[in-house]
Amino acid sequence: MRRTVAAVACAALLHGCGGPAEEGTRISDADRAYGEQQHTVLLAEFGGAYAGDEARYLAAIGERMAAAAGLEGQCRFTLVNSDVVNAFAVPGCYIYLTRGLFATVTSEAELASVLGHEVGHIVGQHSQRQQRRSLWRRLGVVAVSLTGSERLTRLAGQAAQLFTLRYSRSQEHQADDLGVRYLQRAGYDVFAAADMLRALRRHELFMAATNGRDAARSIPEWASSHPLAEQRVARMTEAARESGLADDEQPEREEPYLAEVDGLIYGDDPEQGFVLGRRFAHPVMRIAFEAPPGFSLTNSPRAIRLNGPNGIAGEFGGGRLPAGGLDAYAQALLAQTIGDTPAELESADPAMINGLPAIFLRIRVAVEGGTVPLSLAVYDMGAGEAYHFIVASPPADGGAAAVLALFRSFRRLSAEEAAALRPRVIRTVAVNPGDTADTLARRMADRAPRALFDLINGRSGDTPLRPGQRVKLVTYGEAGPAR
């Protein structure tokens, strides 16, 4: 599920704010140490690493692009187990690409163009400078004041900056130019970078048209802003022409990509549970809840992140029930949450929620110039398992009723409901004589099958399919085990 990251030390973020690095410059020991420090945290927050042949394929393409930038053997490329369509780079040349984006591209050259762009940000040292500017920006007074606890800082949004990093127009232009240069050096079609931007624009429109998750958070920041995507496409097309190469003069390598993407999980990983609009359901843990209107959910192995109107932010997670029972779990969670931040416990109310023992806690956390409400809910699932919500609200928030509705929605899934939650995977198939986009779309497991078919295959309009041509389908895999 998807979207956040752990607290980052301000001193580390202020490192490396000098001018752009020269191509081929050795990654500094300080940047490498910073990237290594954040790597484990990033993976824990964003979905973990996606293992297998796809990850090795991605790393090989990434190394090819790093070598084109003179950084051979100095970068680490990771496929992230998240269905969000995104890519980002961290100082030290740690570069991440989600399986959602891996599924959206249509060729190896397009995939290489994304990695080349991110390598360009590393060469330009853009992440270091933008991290300094984006510190503490999401919840204002909450973010700048909650310094006693890593969890509170993460809830306040400091941690999310790397996944939603905004670069300046000049930085994006530089990364664009460098990416096209690296494509040419690596032997890929230099027009793939413009094609990639078109694909991401189609994805944004698809998400908006099908009422998917917030489209603004569903494509990389560099694809949608600073400047507008259409201007970026034109600029990158011109840069490709200036290389002196014709379109398709260098290979796009569609077939190797299609061979690797076959079998990739599409959408939510059942081991992390399913985000179904505002609803979360986990077929293995047999739990579910529904967020109120205006909320969005983001999945990760560590916790489900929640974002609501007026700056409400929170997480859902779980753990083992201690010997002291639910009271002890609540006390430990509260201590871990507030750390040494001054706070006042306003109430701790026992409840029975959908047949499960629960405790609701409300705390006032001291911040500069006042207090901020923090709400916790803990649930005893039996068999030594417990789950919880932690929700922080800005001082002016009036969302107490929405938070209470969220807490009351938590429930146990029936065996039948859990069995009905099936993962989806990508399958590549050859087009047979007589196949059309409509007939193939009927095999798709999606509420908008034809639109998704066109999206993941890079199609627009009614371009005929060729017999023998390989295309991607999204189909159901095997259901996860119930317990």
Protein backbone atom coordinates (compact mmCIF):
# COMPACT_ATOMS: atom_id res chain seq x y z
CA MET A 1 0.00 0.00 0.00
CA ARG A 2 1.56 3.04 -0.08
CA ARG A 3 3.01 6.41 0.86
CA THR A 4 6.12 7.75 3.76
CA VAL A 5 9.75 7.65 5.36
CA ALA A 6 11.53 7.80 8.75
CA ALA A 7 12.96 10.79 10.54
CA VAL A 8 16.06 12.25 8.94
CA ALA A 9 18.69 14.19 10.86
CA CYS A 10 18.81 17.82 9.83
CA ALA A 11 22.59 17.85 9.94
CA ALA A 12 22.73 15.04 7.38
CA LEU A 13 20.29 16.85 5.13
CA LEU A 14 22.40 19.97 5.14
CA HIS A 15 25.40 18.06 3.83
CA GLY A 16 26.58 18.44 0.27
CA CYS A 17 24.92 21.71 -0.71
CA GLY A 18 27.71 22.83 -3.02
CA GLY A 19 27.64 23.10 -6.79
CA PRO A 20 26.83 20.28 -9.23
CA ALA A 21 29.25 17.37 -9.27
CA GLU A 22 31.27 16.63 -12.38
CA GLU A 23 30.39 13.46 -14.26
CA GLY A 24 32.65 10.66 -13.15
CA THR A 25 33.27 12.23 -9.75
CA ARG A 26 33.61 9.67 -7.00
CA ILE A 27 30.66 9.58 -4.61
CA SER A 28 31.83 11.10 -1.33
CA ASP A 29 32.20 8.94 1.75
CA ALA A 30 29.78 11.23 3.62
CA ASP A 31 27.07 10.89 0.97
CA ARG A 32 27.58 7.14 0.78
CA ALA A 33 27.25 6.82 4.56
CA TYR A 34 24.08 8.90 4.50
CA GLY A 35 22.55 6.80 1.71
CA GLU A 36 23.45 3.57 3.47
CA GLN A 37 21.93 4.86 6.71
CA GLN A 38 18.64 5.72 5.02
CA HIS A 39 18.41 2.62 2.83
CA THR A 40 16.96 0.27 5.45
CA VAL A 41 14.58 2.94 6.73
CA LEU A 42 13.35 3.79 3.23
CA LEU A 43 12.65 0.17 2.36
CA ALA A 44 10.81 -0.42 5.63
CA GLU A 45 8.58 2.58 4.97
CA PHE A 46 8.02 2.19 1.23
CA GLY A 47 7.24 -1.50 0.85
CA GLY A 48 10.53 -3.29 1.14
CA ALA A 49 12.69 -4.53 -1.70
CA TYR A 50 11.03 -6.58 -4.43
CA ALA A 51 13.25 -9.60 -4.91
CA GLY A 52 13.69 -11.83 -7.92
CA ASP A 53 14.69 -11.59 -11.55
CA GLU A 54 13.00 -8.21 -12.02
CA ALA A 55 15.21 -6.66 -9.34
CA ARG A 56 18.38 -8.09 -10.88
CA TYR A 57 17.29 -6.84 -14.30
CA LEU A 58 16.67 -3.36 -12.91
CA ALA A 59 20.06 -3.30 -11.20
CA ALA A 60 21.80 -4.31 -14.43
CA ILE A 61 20.12 -1.51 -16.41
CA GLY A 62 20.89 0.93 -13.61
CA GLU A 63 24.56 0.00 -13.62
CA ARG A 64 24.63 0.53 -17.38
CA MET A 65 23.26 4.05 -16.88
CA ALA A 66 25.60 4.77 -13.97
CA ALA A 67 28.55 3.73 -16.12
CA ALA A 68 27.35 6.14 -18.80
CA ALA A 69 27.60 8.89 -16.18
CA GLY A 70 31.08 7.84 -15.10
CA LEU A 71 29.79 6.35 -11.84
CA GLU A 72 30.43 2.71 -12.63
CA GLY A 73 30.22 0.51 -9.54
CA GLN A 74 29.24 3.40 -7.25
CA CYS A 75 25.42 3.28 -7.34
CA ARG A 76 22.83 0.96 -5.86
CA PHE A 77 19.52 0.40 -7.66
CA THR A 78 16.55 -1.08 -5.79
CA LEU A 79 13.14 -2.22 -7.02
CA VAL A 80 10.67 -1.20 -4.30
CA ASN A 81 7.65 -3.39 -3.51
CA SER A 82 5.08 -0.61 -3.91
CA ASP A 83 2.37 -0.10 -6.51
CA VAL A 84 2.85 3.67 -6.44
CA VAL A 85 4.33 4.87 -9.72
CA ASN A 86 7.48 6.62 -8.56
CA ALA A 87 11.26 6.82 -8.64
CA PHE A 88 13.68 8.84 -6.53
CA ALA A 89 17.34 9.19 -5.65
CA VAL A 90 19.11 9.59 -2.32
CA PRO A 91 22.60 11.05 -1.82
CA GLY A 92 25.24 8.37 -2.06
CA CYS A 93 23.72 7.24 -5.39
CA TYR A 94 21.01 5.08 -3.87
CA ILE A 95 18.30 5.00 -6.53
CA TYR A 96 14.82 3.52 -6.10
CA LEU A 97 12.12 2.59 -8.60
CA THR A 98 8.76 1.10 -7.62
CA ARG A 99 7.23 -1.97 -9.20
CA GLY A 100 4.28 0.27 -10.08
CA LEU A 101 6.55 2.24 -12.38
CA PHE A 102 8.25 -0.95 -13.59
CA ALA A 103 4.82 -2.16 -14.72
CA THR A 104 3.95 1.13 -16.45
CA VAL A 105 6.91 1.40 -18.82
CA THR A 106 6.78 -0.46 -22.14
CA SER A 107 10.46 -1.00 -22.97
CA GLU A 108 13.89 -1.32 -21.46
CA ALA A 109 14.81 2.05 -22.97
CA GLU A 110 11.97 3.78 -21.11
CA LEU A 111 13.07 2.11 -17.89
CA ALA A 112 16.63 3.23 -18.56
CA SER A 113 15.44 6.78 -19.15
CA VAL A 114 13.96 6.94 -15.64
CA LEU A 115 17.14 5.59 -14.08
CA GLY A 116 19.24 7.96 -16.16
CA HIS A 117 17.15 10.89 -14.96
CA GLU A 118 17.67 9.88 -11.33
CA VAL A 119 21.41 9.44 -11.92
CA GLY A 120 21.31 12.98 -13.32
CA HIS A 121 19.91 14.22 -10.00
CA ILE A 122 22.80 12.49 -8.22
CA VAL A 123 25.38 14.07 -10.53
CA GLY A 124 23.71 17.45 -9.98
CA GLN A 125 23.52 16.93 -6.19
CA HIS A 126 19.89 18.05 -6.36
CA SER A 127 18.57 15.91 -3.52
CA GLN A 128 20.88 17.45 -0.94
CA ARG A 129 19.75 21.00 -1.68
CA GLN A 130 16.04 20.21 -1.97
CA GLN A 131 15.94 18.19 1.25
CA ARG A 132 17.11 21.26 3.15
CA ARG A 133 14.29 23.34 1.62
CA SER A 134 11.57 20.75 2.23
CA LEU A 135 12.22 20.04 5.92
CA TRP A 136 9.21 20.35 8.21
CA ARG A 137 6.82 21.49 5.52
CA ARG A 138 3.66 19.39 5.88
CA LEU A 139 2.04 20.06 9.22
CA GLY A 140 3.52 23.40 10.10
CA VAL A 141 3.46 23.93 13.83
CA VAL A 142 3.08 20.22 14.53
CA ALA A 143 6.12 19.33 12.45
CA VAL A 144 8.43 22.00 13.79
CA SER A 145 7.50 21.36 17.39
CA LEU A 146 7.33 17.59 17.87
CA THR A 147 11.00 16.89 18.48
CA GLY A 148 10.81 14.37 21.30
CA SER A 149 9.79 11.31 19.29
CA GLU A 150 10.80 9.78 15.97
CA ARG A 151 7.27 8.45 15.48
CA LEU A 152 5.70 11.85 16.05
CA THR A 153 8.16 13.40 13.65
CA ARG A 154 7.27 10.79 11.06
CA LEU A 155 3.57 11.40 11.57
CA ALA A 156 4.16 15.11 11.16
CA GLY A 157 5.55 14.42 7.74
CA GLN A 158 9.27 15.13 7.92
CA ALA A 159 9.96 11.59 6.77
CA ALA A 160 7.90 11.74 3.58
CA GLN A 161 10.07 14.29 1.85
CA LEU A 162 12.25 11.92 -0.16
CA PHE A 163 9.28 10.21 -1.79
CA THR A 164 7.61 13.50 -2.74
CA LEU A 165 10.68 15.63 -3.33
CA ARG A 166 10.11 18.72 -5.45
CA TYR A 167 12.95 19.86 -7.63
CA SER A 168 13.30 23.26 -9.23
CA ARG A 169 12.75 23.80 -12.94
CA SER A 170 16.45 24.23 -13.58
CA GLN A 171 17.25 21.04 -11.66
CA GLU A 172 14.69 19.07 -13.67
CA HIS A 173 16.08 20.49 -16.90
CA GLN A 174 19.57 19.46 -15.92
CA ALA A 175 18.46 15.93 -14.99
CA ASP A 176 16.51 15.72 -18.28
CA ASP A 177 19.55 16.75 -20.31
CA LEU A 178 21.87 14.42 -18.47
CA GLY A 179 19.40 11.54 -18.77
CA VAL A 180 19.21 11.89 -22.55
CA ARG A 181 23.01 12.06 -22.72
CA TYR A 182 23.30 8.86 -20.68
CA LEU A 183 20.72 7.09 -22.86
CA GLN A 184 22.83 7.82 -25.92
CA ARG A 185 26.06 6.68 -24.26
CA ALA A 186 24.39 3.49 -23.03
CA GLY A 187 23.12 2.68 -26.53
CA TYR A 188 19.38 3.20 -25.97
CA ASP A 189 16.86 5.09 -28.09
CA VAL A 190 17.29 8.72 -27.04
CA PHE A 191 13.62 9.43 -27.72
CA ALA A 192 12.61 7.02 -24.91
CA ALA A 193 12.82 9.80 -22.31
CA ALA A 194 10.04 11.78 -24.02
CA ASP A 195 8.07 8.55 -24.48
CA MET A 196 8.40 7.90 -20.75
CA LEU A 197 6.95 11.28 -19.86
CA ARG A 198 4.01 10.63 -22.19
CA ALA A 199 3.42 7.28 -20.48
CA LEU A 200 3.41 8.90 -17.05
CA ARG A 201 1.00 11.57 -18.22
CA ARG A 202 -1.32 8.79 -19.46
CA HIS A 203 -1.03 7.15 -16.06
CA GLU A 204 -2.00 10.37 -14.31
CA LEU A 205 -5.05 10.74 -16.54
CA PHE A 206 -5.97 7.07 -16.02
CA MET A 207 -5.85 7.44 -12.24
CA ALA A 208 -8.01 10.55 -12.35
CA ALA A 209 -10.53 9.03 -14.78
CA THR A 210 -10.90 5.79 -12.83
CA ASN A 211 -11.14 7.44 -9.41
CA GLY A 212 -7.81 5.97 -8.41
CA ARG A 213 -5.65 7.19 -5.60
CA ASP A 214 -4.59 10.81 -5.61
CA ALA A 215 -3.06 11.28 -9.04
CA ALA A 216 -0.76 14.00 -7.75
CA ARG A 217 0.96 11.40 -5.56
CA SER A 218 0.84 8.64 -8.17
CA ILE A 219 3.52 9.74 -10.58
CA PRO A 220 7.05 10.99 -9.98
CA GLU A 221 7.28 14.68 -9.13
CA TRP A 222 9.68 15.19 -12.04
CA ALA A 223 7.04 13.96 -14.49
CA SER A 224 4.26 16.33 -13.54
CA SER A 225 5.69 19.70 -12.65
CA HIS A 226 8.44 22.28 -13.11
CA PRO A 227 7.66 22.79 -15.97
CA LEU A 228 4.43 21.29 -17.25
CA ALA A 229 4.68 17.78 -18.65
CA GLU A 230 3.79 18.82 -22.22
CA GLN A 231 6.60 21.36 -22.28
CA ARG A 232 8.99 18.79 -20.87
CA VAL A 233 8.07 16.31 -23.60
CA ALA A 234 8.75 18.90 -26.30
CA ARG A 235 12.03 19.90 -24.70
CA MET A 236 13.24 16.31 -24.32
CA THR A 237 12.20 15.48 -27.89
CA GLU A 238 14.29 18.41 -29.11
CA ALA A 239 17.22 17.26 -26.96
CA ALA A 240 16.94 13.81 -28.54
CA ARG A 241 16.97 15.33 -32.03
CA GLU A 242 20.03 17.38 -31.18
CA SER A 243 21.89 14.14 -30.49
CA GLY A 244 21.92 13.59 -34.25
CA LEU A 245 20.19 10.24 -33.91
CA ALA A 246 16.90 9.39 -35.56
CA ASP A 247 13.95 7.97 -33.62
CA ASP A 248 14.49 4.20 -33.17
CA GLU A 249 18.03 4.43 -34.55
CA GLN A 250 19.11 2.95 -31.25
CA PRO A 251 17.11 0.08 -29.74
CA GLU A 252 14.23 0.34 -27.29
CA ARG A 253 14.54 -3.36 -26.35
CA GLU A 254 10.87 -4.12 -25.76
CA GLU A 255 11.22 -7.91 -25.81
CA PRO A 256 13.73 -8.23 -22.95
CA TYR A 257 11.56 -5.96 -20.82
CA LEU A 258 8.37 -7.90 -21.60
CA ALA A 259 10.11 -11.15 -20.69
CA GLU A 260 11.15 -9.74 -17.31
CA VAL A 261 7.85 -8.09 -16.37
CA ASP A 262 5.90 -11.33 -16.82
CA GLY A 263 4.73 -12.50 -13.38
CA LEU A 264 5.25 -9.16 -11.61
CA ILE A 265 2.69 -8.41 -8.89
CA TYR A 266 0.37 -5.62 -10.01
CA GLY A 267 -1.38 -3.48 -7.41
CA ASP A 268 -1.21 -4.45 -3.76
CA ASP A 269 0.92 -7.30 -2.46
CA PRO A 270 -1.31 -9.63 -0.40
CA GLU A 271 1.44 -9.91 2.21
CA GLN A 272 0.96 -6.19 2.83
CA GLY A 273 -2.82 -6.20 2.46
CA PHE A 274 -5.06 -4.47 -0.04
CA VAL A 275 -5.98 -0.80 -0.28
CA LEU A 276 -9.41 -0.67 -1.88
CA GLY A 277 -10.18 3.02 -2.15
CA ARG A 278 -10.59 4.17 1.46
CA ARG A 279 -10.77 0.59 2.72
CA PHE A 280 -7.91 -1.60 3.88
CA ALA A 281 -8.24 -5.39 4.04
CA HIS A 282 -5.56 -7.94 4.88
CA PRO A 283 -6.34 -11.52 3.81
CA VAL A 284 -3.56 -13.08 5.90
CA MET A 285 -4.13 -11.14 9.11
CA ARG A 286 -7.91 -11.26 8.54
CA ILE A 287 -8.48 -7.59 9.46
CA ALA A 288 -10.14 -4.61 7.78
CA PHE A 289 -11.04 -0.98 8.36
CA GLU A 290 -12.48 1.91 6.37
CA ALA A 291 -11.33 5.51 6.46
CA PRO A 292 -13.87 8.36 6.27
CA PRO A 293 -14.36 10.41 3.08
CA GLY A 294 -11.42 12.67 2.32
CA PHE A 295 -8.83 10.22 3.65
CA SER A 296 -6.18 8.42 1.61
CA LEU A 297 -4.28 5.28 2.59
CA THR A 298 -0.68 4.33 1.85
CA ASN A 299 0.66 0.82 2.36
CA SER A 300 4.06 -0.28 3.66
CA PRO A 301 5.37 -3.30 5.55
CA ARG A 302 5.75 -1.30 8.76
CA ALA A 303 2.42 0.51 8.87
CA ILE A 304 -0.53 1.83 6.91
CA ARG A 305 -0.25 5.57 6.61
CA LEU A 306 -3.36 7.72 6.69
CA ASN A 307 -3.80 11.27 5.47
CA GLY A 308 -7.04 13.16 5.99
CA PRO A 309 -8.49 16.61 5.46
CA ASN A 310 -7.05 19.64 7.23
CA GLY A 311 -3.67 17.99 7.74
CA ILE A 312 -4.78 14.91 9.70
CA ALA A 313 -1.99 12.32 9.55
CA GLY A 314 -1.66 8.92 11.15
CA GLU A 315 -0.69 5.30 10.88
CA PHE A 316 -2.12 1.86 11.48
CA GLY A 317 0.03 -1.00 12.72
CA GLY A 318 0.18 -3.96 15.03
CA GLY A 319 2.29 -6.10 17.34
CA ARG A 320 2.29 -8.82 19.93
CA LEU A 321 0.11 -8.40 23.01
CA PRO A 322 2.32 -8.27 26.15
CA ALA A 323 1.70 -10.19 29.33
CA GLY A 324 -0.13 -7.21 30.80
CA GLY A 325 -2.76 -7.36 28.06
CA LEU A 326 -4.30 -4.49 26.16
CA ASP A 327 -3.60 -1.94 28.91
CA ALA A 328 0.11 -2.73 28.77
CA TYR A 329 0.09 -2.56 24.98
CA ALA A 330 -1.57 0.87 25.09
CA GLN A 331 0.90 2.17 27.66
CA ALA A 332 3.90 0.95 25.69
CA LEU A 333 2.51 2.38 22.45
CA LEU A 334 1.90 5.74 24.09
CA ALA A 335 5.43 5.82 25.51
CA GLN A 336 6.94 4.93 22.13
CA THR A 337 4.78 7.53 20.40
CA ILE A 338 5.38 10.62 22.50
CA GLY A 339 8.90 9.87 23.70
CA ASP A 340 9.96 12.71 25.99
CA THR A 341 7.58 15.23 24.43
CA PRO A 342 5.48 16.92 27.14
CA ALA A 343 1.92 15.59 26.93
CA GLU A 344 -1.27 15.26 28.96
CA LEU A 345 -3.50 12.19 28.87
CA GLU A 346 -7.06 13.49 28.57
CA SER A 347 -8.93 10.18 28.46
CA ALA A 348 -8.50 6.42 28.19
CA ASP A 349 -11.83 4.78 27.42
CA PRO A 350 -12.40 1.03 27.10
CA ALA A 351 -14.75 -0.05 24.32
CA MET A 352 -16.05 -3.09 22.46
CA ILE A 353 -15.63 -2.53 18.70
CA ASN A 354 -17.22 -5.07 16.37
CA GLY A 355 -16.75 -7.75 19.01
CA LEU A 356 -13.14 -6.83 19.79
CA PRO A 357 -11.92 -5.35 23.11
CA ALA A 358 -10.43 -1.91 22.51
CA ILE A 359 -9.13 1.17 24.30
CA PHE A 360 -9.35 4.72 22.92
CA LEU A 361 -6.86 7.28 24.22
CA ARG A 362 -6.77 11.02 23.68
CA ILE A 363 -3.63 13.03 24.46
CA ARG A 364 -2.76 16.72 24.28
CA VAL A 365 0.84 17.09 23.10
CA ALA A 366 2.67 20.29 23.96
CA VAL A 367 3.99 22.22 20.96
CA GLU A 368 5.31 25.70 20.51
CA GLY A 369 2.48 28.10 21.28
CA GLY A 370 -0.09 25.51 22.38
CA THR A 371 -1.04 21.84 22.17
CA VAL A 372 -1.94 19.33 19.47
CA PRO A 373 -4.45 16.48 19.87
CA LEU A 374 -3.16 12.95 19.41
CA SER A 375 -5.60 10.04 19.33
CA LEU A 376 -4.74 6.35 19.77
CA ALA A 377 -6.87 3.23 19.51
CA VAL A 378 -5.69 -0.28 20.42
CA TYR A 379 -7.50 -3.58 19.76
CA ASP A 380 -7.13 -7.09 21.15
CA MET A 381 -7.50 -9.57 18.25
CA GLY A 382 -6.93 -12.61 20.43
CA ALA A 383 -4.19 -15.22 20.04
CA GLY A 384 -1.71 -12.67 21.39
CA GLU A 385 -2.22 -10.19 18.54
CA ALA A 386 -2.95 -6.48 18.87
CA TYR A 387 -3.48 -3.64 16.38
CA HIS A 388 -3.57 0.11 16.73
CA PHE A 389 -4.19 3.51 15.15
CA ILE A 390 -2.17 6.65 15.93
CA VAL A 391 -3.63 9.87 14.53
CA ALA A 392 -2.22 13.39 14.87
CA SER A 393 -4.24 16.47 14.02
CA PRO A 394 -3.26 20.12 13.59
CA PRO A 395 -4.41 22.47 16.37
CA ALA A 396 -7.29 23.89 14.31
CA ASP A 397 -8.57 20.53 13.15
CA GLY A 398 -12.22 19.70 13.62
CA GLY A 399 -11.96 16.08 12.57
CA ALA A 400 -12.57 14.35 15.89
CA ALA A 401 -15.75 12.72 14.53
CA ALA A 402 -13.91 11.41 11.47
CA VAL A 403 -11.14 9.96 13.62
CA LEU A 404 -13.71 8.26 15.85
CA ALA A 405 -15.47 6.80 12.79
CA LEU A 406 -12.13 5.41 11.61
CA PHE A 407 -11.49 3.81 15.01
CA ARG A 408 -14.97 2.21 15.06
CA SER A 409 -14.57 0.73 11.57
CA PHE A 410 -11.86 -1.78 12.55
CA ARG A 411 -13.11 -5.36 12.34
CA ARG A 412 -12.20 -8.97 11.68
CA LEU A 413 -12.55 -10.33 8.13
CA SER A 414 -14.54 -13.49 7.60
CA ALA A 415 -12.84 -16.45 5.94
CA GLU A 416 -14.98 -15.88 2.85
CA GLU A 417 -13.99 -12.20 2.65
CA ALA A 418 -10.30 -13.07 3.03
CA ALA A 419 -10.49 -15.75 0.34
CA ALA A 420 -12.04 -13.27 -2.09
CA LEU A 421 -9.00 -10.99 -1.87
CA ARG A 422 -6.79 -12.18 -4.69
CA PRO A 423 -3.53 -10.64 -5.92
CA ARG A 424 -3.11 -9.52 -9.51
CA VAL A 425 -0.09 -10.19 -11.68
CA ILE A 426 1.15 -9.08 -15.09
CA ARG A 427 1.22 -11.71 -17.84
CA THR A 428 2.70 -11.12 -21.27
CA VAL A 429 0.94 -12.91 -24.12
CA ALA A 430 1.28 -13.04 -27.89
CA VAL A 431 -1.50 -11.47 -29.95
CA ASN A 432 -3.33 -14.12 -31.99
CA PRO A 433 -5.01 -13.50 -35.36
CA GLY A 434 -8.40 -11.95 -34.69
CA ASP A 435 -7.39 -10.50 -31.30
CA THR A 436 -8.27 -6.87 -30.70
CA ALA A 437 -7.67 -4.51 -27.85
CA ASP A 438 -11.26 -5.07 -26.74
CA THR A 439 -11.06 -8.87 -26.77
CA LEU A 440 -7.77 -8.88 -24.88
CA ALA A 441 -9.08 -6.31 -22.40
CA ARG A 442 -11.85 -8.73 -21.46
CA ARG A 443 -9.15 -10.91 -19.89
CA MET A 444 -8.03 -8.07 -17.64
CA ALA A 445 -8.75 -8.10 -13.89
CA ASP A 446 -9.69 -4.47 -13.39
CA ARG A 447 -12.75 -2.26 -13.10
CA ALA A 448 -11.57 -0.32 -16.17
CA PRO A 449 -10.09 -3.14 -18.27
CA ARG A 450 -9.74 -1.43 -21.65
CA ALA A 451 -8.28 1.74 -20.15
CA LEU A 452 -5.76 -0.26 -18.14
CA PHE A 453 -4.87 -2.39 -21.18
CA ASP A 454 -4.08 0.74 -23.18
CA LEU A 455 -2.17 2.27 -20.28
CA ILE A 456 0.26 -0.56 -19.53
CA ASN A 457 0.83 -1.24 -23.23
CA GLY A 458 1.50 2.38 -24.14
CA ARG A 459 -1.42 2.56 -26.52
CA SER A 460 -3.50 5.52 -27.58
CA GLY A 461 -6.50 5.48 -29.90
CA ASP A 462 -7.38 2.35 -31.84
CA THR A 463 -3.98 1.38 -33.26
CA PRO A 464 -4.38 -2.18 -34.62
CA LEU A 465 -2.52 -5.00 -32.93
CA ARG A 466 -0.19 -7.22 -34.95
CA PRO A 467 -0.38 -11.01 -34.73
CA GLY A 468 2.63 -12.21 -32.79
CA GLN A 469 3.04 -8.89 -30.98
CA ARG A 470 3.48 -9.35 -27.23
CA VAL A 471 1.27 -7.36 -24.86
CA LYS A 472 0.79 -7.11 -21.11
CA LEU A 473 -2.37 -8.29 -19.34
CA VAL A 474 -3.30 -7.95 -15.67
CA THR A 475 -4.88 -11.16 -14.39
CA TYR A 476 -5.70 -12.68 -11.04
CA GLY A 477 -3.09 -14.81 -9.31
CA GLU A 478 -3.64 -17.28 -6.52
CA ALA A 479 -5.42 -16.12 -3.38
CA GLY A 480 -3.34 -15.62 -0.28
CA PRO A 481 -3.72 -18.10 2.59
CA ALA A 482 -6.32 -17.43 5.24
CA ARG A 483 -5.71 -18.30 8.84
